[in-house]
Amino acid sequence: MQAKPLVIAIDGPAASGKSTTARKVAERLGYLYVDTGAMYRAVTLEVLRRGLDPDDEIAVAETIRSIRLELKPAGDGLSVFLNGIDVTRDIRSPEVTRNVSAVSRIKTVRAYLVGMQRTIGSKGGVVLDGRDIGTVVFPDADLKVYMIADLPARSRRRADELRAQGVLVEEETLAEEIHKRDLLDSTRAESPLLKAPEAFEVDTSSMSIDEQVEFVVGKAKELLEKTN
């Protein structure tokens, strides 16, 4: 009997390597990849475009009810469409990054997007990355991984990502922003950033992406072999 496709949850703080690892793990296993952080970023982008205060829960709640959000496979990743327009690049701007934690903490936003994420992953064969996948979105996920990395490594990675987009930002500035986001994400009332007790913790500070991918794929294959 063929093994049931897995639900794989990869959580962790910003720039810990989870998104790239999750995408490549999905490719290796032939699974669907869902970048849940991109969904929160898209909502944040719309909030900023409307000139709203990201801390205004009522205004943000109204916004989430009036947008159309889609994730579409594209090349080696996902394209994010907001109201029919591709915003994949726009959601990675420094301004969105600075404000996404404020929007993400709002209960209405989380409820709406968690519902979407559960629908997408309901049949398995999916790799999701975020901050509450293994604790809230899919608490019964077949495989849970929690990625961490030291602040210098994460700042360097984020700087490299932005440079690739033609955006130059000092690593020291990014370190301050990442530290602030860690604090916001881990102390928010709604779905705070937490490691699920049964999650495998992986420190990626000195690991290559290939090493991270091999670790997760190896754990997934062990589970699949057990269910055969």
Protein backbone atom coordinates (compact mmCIF):
# COMPACT_ATOMS: atom_id res chain seq x y z
CA MET A 1 0.00 0.00 0.00
CA GLN A 2 1.33 3.45 -0.93
CA ALA A 3 2.31 5.64 2.01
CA LYS A 4 -0.02 8.54 2.79
CA PRO A 5 1.50 11.87 1.72
CA LEU A 6 2.91 13.78 4.67
CA VAL A 7 2.17 17.17 6.11
CA ILE A 8 5.55 18.71 6.91
CA ALA A 9 5.70 21.81 9.13
CA ILE A 10 8.85 23.92 9.19
CA ASP A 11 8.80 26.77 11.70
CA GLY A 12 11.32 29.27 12.95
CA PRO A 13 12.23 32.94 13.24
CA ALA A 14 12.99 35.27 10.34
CA ALA A 15 15.95 34.37 8.09
CA SER A 16 16.57 31.03 9.80
CA GLY A 17 16.56 29.29 6.41
CA LYS A 18 13.12 27.74 6.64
CA SER A 19 11.60 29.11 3.43
CA THR A 20 14.38 28.04 1.09
CA THR A 21 14.66 24.68 2.83
CA ALA A 22 10.90 24.10 2.72
CA ARG A 23 10.75 24.91 -0.99
CA LYS A 24 13.60 22.57 -1.85
CA VAL A 25 12.23 19.78 0.38
CA ALA A 26 8.92 20.06 -1.47
CA GLU A 27 10.76 19.78 -4.79
CA ARG A 28 12.65 16.68 -3.65
CA LEU A 29 9.51 14.94 -2.42
CA GLY A 30 7.20 16.11 -5.21
CA TYR A 31 5.05 17.94 -2.66
CA LEU A 32 3.29 21.29 -2.75
CA TYR A 33 5.19 24.13 -1.07
CA VAL A 34 3.26 26.78 0.87
CA ASP A 35 5.07 29.89 2.08
CA THR A 36 2.65 31.08 4.75
CA GLY A 37 4.80 34.11 5.52
CA ALA A 38 4.18 35.35 1.98
CA MET A 39 0.46 35.35 2.73
CA TYR A 40 0.91 37.64 5.74
CA ARG A 41 3.24 39.83 3.72
CA ALA A 42 0.64 40.21 0.98
CA VAL A 43 -1.96 41.38 3.49
CA THR A 44 0.60 43.79 4.96
CA LEU A 45 1.36 45.16 1.51
CA GLU A 46 -2.31 45.89 0.92
CA VAL A 47 -2.62 47.56 4.32
CA LEU A 48 0.32 49.84 3.52
CA ARG A 49 -0.94 50.61 0.02
CA ARG A 50 -4.23 51.73 1.51
CA GLY A 51 -2.38 54.04 3.87
CA LEU A 52 -3.69 52.25 6.95
CA ASP A 53 -2.04 51.92 10.33
CA PRO A 54 -0.85 48.29 10.66
CA ASP A 55 -1.83 48.45 14.35
CA ASP A 56 -5.44 49.45 13.54
CA GLU A 57 -7.14 46.10 14.08
CA ILE A 58 -10.55 47.20 12.82
CA ALA A 59 -9.22 48.68 9.57
CA VAL A 60 -6.95 45.69 8.94
CA ALA A 61 -9.82 43.28 9.62
CA GLU A 62 -11.91 45.07 7.00
CA THR A 63 -9.02 44.84 4.56
CA ILE A 64 -8.63 41.06 4.90
CA ARG A 65 -12.29 40.60 4.04
CA SER A 66 -12.01 42.60 0.84
CA ILE A 67 -8.91 41.17 -0.85
CA ARG A 68 -8.32 38.19 -3.12
CA LEU A 69 -5.15 36.28 -2.33
CA GLU A 70 -3.74 33.46 -4.47
CA LEU A 71 -0.57 31.37 -4.40
CA LYS A 72 0.49 29.90 -7.74
CA PRO A 73 3.42 27.55 -8.49
CA ALA A 74 6.07 29.32 -10.57
CA GLY A 75 9.45 27.98 -11.55
CA ASP A 76 11.26 26.92 -8.37
CA GLY A 77 8.89 28.65 -5.99
CA LEU A 78 5.54 30.38 -5.63
CA SER A 79 4.10 33.53 -7.11
CA VAL A 80 1.82 35.59 -4.88
CA PHE A 81 -1.14 37.33 -6.47
CA LEU A 82 -3.03 40.07 -4.70
CA ASN A 83 -6.34 41.02 -6.32
CA GLY A 84 -5.14 39.41 -9.54
CA ILE A 85 -1.75 41.19 -9.63
CA ASP A 86 1.61 39.47 -9.09
CA VAL A 87 3.17 41.01 -5.96
CA THR A 88 5.84 38.36 -5.35
CA ARG A 89 8.64 40.91 -5.45
CA ASP A 90 6.76 43.73 -3.74
CA ILE A 91 6.03 41.74 -0.58
CA ARG A 92 9.78 41.40 0.12
CA SER A 93 10.37 45.13 0.47
CA PRO A 94 11.96 46.45 3.70
CA GLU A 95 8.77 48.41 4.47
CA VAL A 96 6.64 45.27 4.38
CA THR A 97 9.22 43.43 6.46
CA ARG A 98 9.11 46.16 9.13
CA ASN A 99 5.31 46.02 9.41
CA VAL A 100 4.38 42.37 8.85
CA SER A 101 4.63 41.39 12.52
CA ALA A 102 2.09 44.04 13.50
CA VAL A 103 -0.39 42.80 10.90
CA SER A 104 0.31 39.14 11.68
CA ARG A 105 -0.65 39.48 15.32
CA ILE A 106 -4.24 40.51 14.49
CA LYS A 107 -6.69 37.73 15.28
CA THR A 108 -8.93 38.25 12.25
CA VAL A 109 -5.97 38.10 9.89
CA ARG A 110 -4.61 34.92 11.43
CA ALA A 111 -8.02 33.20 11.47
CA TYR A 112 -8.59 33.98 7.80
CA LEU A 113 -5.15 32.85 6.61
CA VAL A 114 -4.97 29.79 8.86
CA GLY A 115 -8.25 28.66 7.30
CA MET A 116 -6.70 29.00 3.83
CA GLN A 117 -3.58 27.14 4.90
CA ARG A 118 -5.54 24.24 6.38
CA THR A 119 -7.61 23.92 3.23
CA ILE A 120 -4.50 23.86 1.04
CA GLY A 121 -2.79 21.21 3.17
CA SER A 122 -5.81 19.09 4.08
CA LYS A 123 -4.90 16.17 1.80
CA GLY A 124 -1.22 16.02 2.72
CA GLY A 125 1.68 16.05 0.30
CA VAL A 126 2.56 19.54 1.45
CA VAL A 127 5.44 21.42 3.06
CA LEU A 128 4.47 24.58 4.91
CA ASP A 129 6.81 27.04 6.56
CA GLY A 130 5.97 29.78 9.01
CA ARG A 131 5.91 30.51 12.72
CA ASP A 132 2.91 28.55 13.97
CA ILE A 133 2.51 25.69 11.50
CA GLY A 134 3.41 22.91 13.92
CA THR A 135 1.65 24.48 16.90
CA VAL A 136 -1.55 26.02 15.48
CA VAL A 137 -2.12 25.45 11.77
CA PHE A 138 -1.28 21.73 11.72
CA PRO A 139 -0.69 20.61 15.31
CA ASP A 140 -0.96 17.01 14.06
CA ALA A 141 1.58 17.45 11.25
CA ASP A 142 3.46 14.25 10.45
CA LEU A 143 6.86 15.93 10.64
CA LYS A 144 7.74 19.10 12.52
CA VAL A 145 11.04 20.95 12.20
CA TYR A 146 12.02 24.11 14.08
CA MET A 147 14.91 26.02 12.54
CA ILE A 148 17.04 28.52 14.41
CA ALA A 149 20.22 30.47 13.63
CA ASP A 150 22.30 33.09 15.36
CA LEU A 151 21.57 36.76 14.67
CA PRO A 152 24.72 37.51 12.60
CA ALA A 153 23.95 34.61 10.25
CA ARG A 154 20.35 35.67 9.84
CA SER A 155 21.27 39.33 9.24
CA ARG A 156 23.79 38.29 6.61
CA ARG A 157 21.25 36.09 4.83
CA ARG A 158 18.62 38.82 4.77
CA ALA A 159 21.18 41.33 3.46
CA ASP A 160 22.14 38.92 0.67
CA GLU A 161 18.48 38.47 -0.27
CA LEU A 162 17.95 42.22 -0.49
CA ARG A 163 21.16 42.81 -2.44
CA ALA A 164 19.94 40.26 -4.99
CA GLN A 165 16.91 42.52 -5.42
CA GLY A 166 19.07 45.62 -5.77
CA VAL A 167 18.33 46.87 -2.24
CA LEU A 168 21.33 47.84 -0.11
CA VAL A 169 20.81 47.74 3.65
CA GLU A 170 23.41 47.63 6.43
CA GLU A 171 23.56 44.30 8.25
CA GLU A 172 23.54 46.13 11.59
CA THR A 173 20.22 47.74 10.69
CA LEU A 174 18.81 44.39 9.65
CA ALA A 175 20.00 42.81 12.89
CA GLU A 176 18.06 45.40 14.87
CA GLU A 177 14.92 44.83 12.78
CA ILE A 178 15.18 41.04 13.04
CA HIS A 179 15.68 41.24 16.80
CA LYS A 180 12.61 43.46 17.11
CA ARG A 181 10.57 41.09 14.98
CA ASP A 182 11.67 38.12 17.10
CA LEU A 183 10.36 39.92 20.17
CA LEU A 184 7.04 40.79 18.54
CA ASP A 185 6.53 37.31 17.09
CA SER A 186 7.36 35.47 20.30
CA THR A 187 5.28 37.66 22.62
CA ARG A 188 2.12 38.26 20.58
CA ALA A 189 -1.14 36.97 22.04
CA GLU A 190 -2.28 35.25 18.84
CA SER A 191 -0.25 32.20 17.77
CA PRO A 192 3.16 33.27 19.11
CA LEU A 193 6.36 31.86 17.66
CA LEU A 194 6.95 28.66 19.64
CA LYS A 195 8.75 25.39 19.11
CA ALA A 196 6.38 22.42 19.16
CA PRO A 197 7.57 19.95 21.84
CA GLU A 198 7.96 17.14 19.30
CA ALA A 199 9.70 19.25 16.64
CA PHE A 200 13.26 18.52 15.57
CA GLU A 201 15.32 21.63 16.33
CA VAL A 202 17.96 22.44 13.75
CA ASP A 203 20.57 25.19 14.19
CA THR A 204 21.32 26.36 10.66
CA SER A 205 23.92 29.00 11.56
CA SER A 206 26.75 27.08 9.92
CA MET A 207 24.73 24.68 7.75
CA SER A 208 24.40 24.90 3.99
CA ILE A 209 20.96 24.83 2.39
CA ASP A 210 21.76 21.38 0.98
CA GLU A 211 22.54 20.09 4.48
CA GLN A 212 19.29 21.51 5.81
CA VAL A 213 17.32 19.95 2.98
CA GLU A 214 18.99 16.56 3.44
CA PHE A 215 18.09 16.56 7.13
CA VAL A 216 14.40 17.20 6.53
CA VAL A 217 14.13 14.87 3.53
CA GLY A 218 15.86 12.15 5.55
CA LYS A 219 13.34 12.46 8.38
CA ALA A 220 10.46 12.46 5.89
CA LYS A 221 11.69 9.31 4.19
CA GLU A 222 12.04 7.57 7.54
CA LEU A 223 8.38 8.31 8.25
CA LEU A 224 7.27 7.20 4.81
CA GLU A 225 9.17 3.91 5.15
CA LYS A 226 7.47 3.23 8.49
CA THR A 227 4.01 3.62 6.94
CA ASN A 228 4.69 1.28 4.02
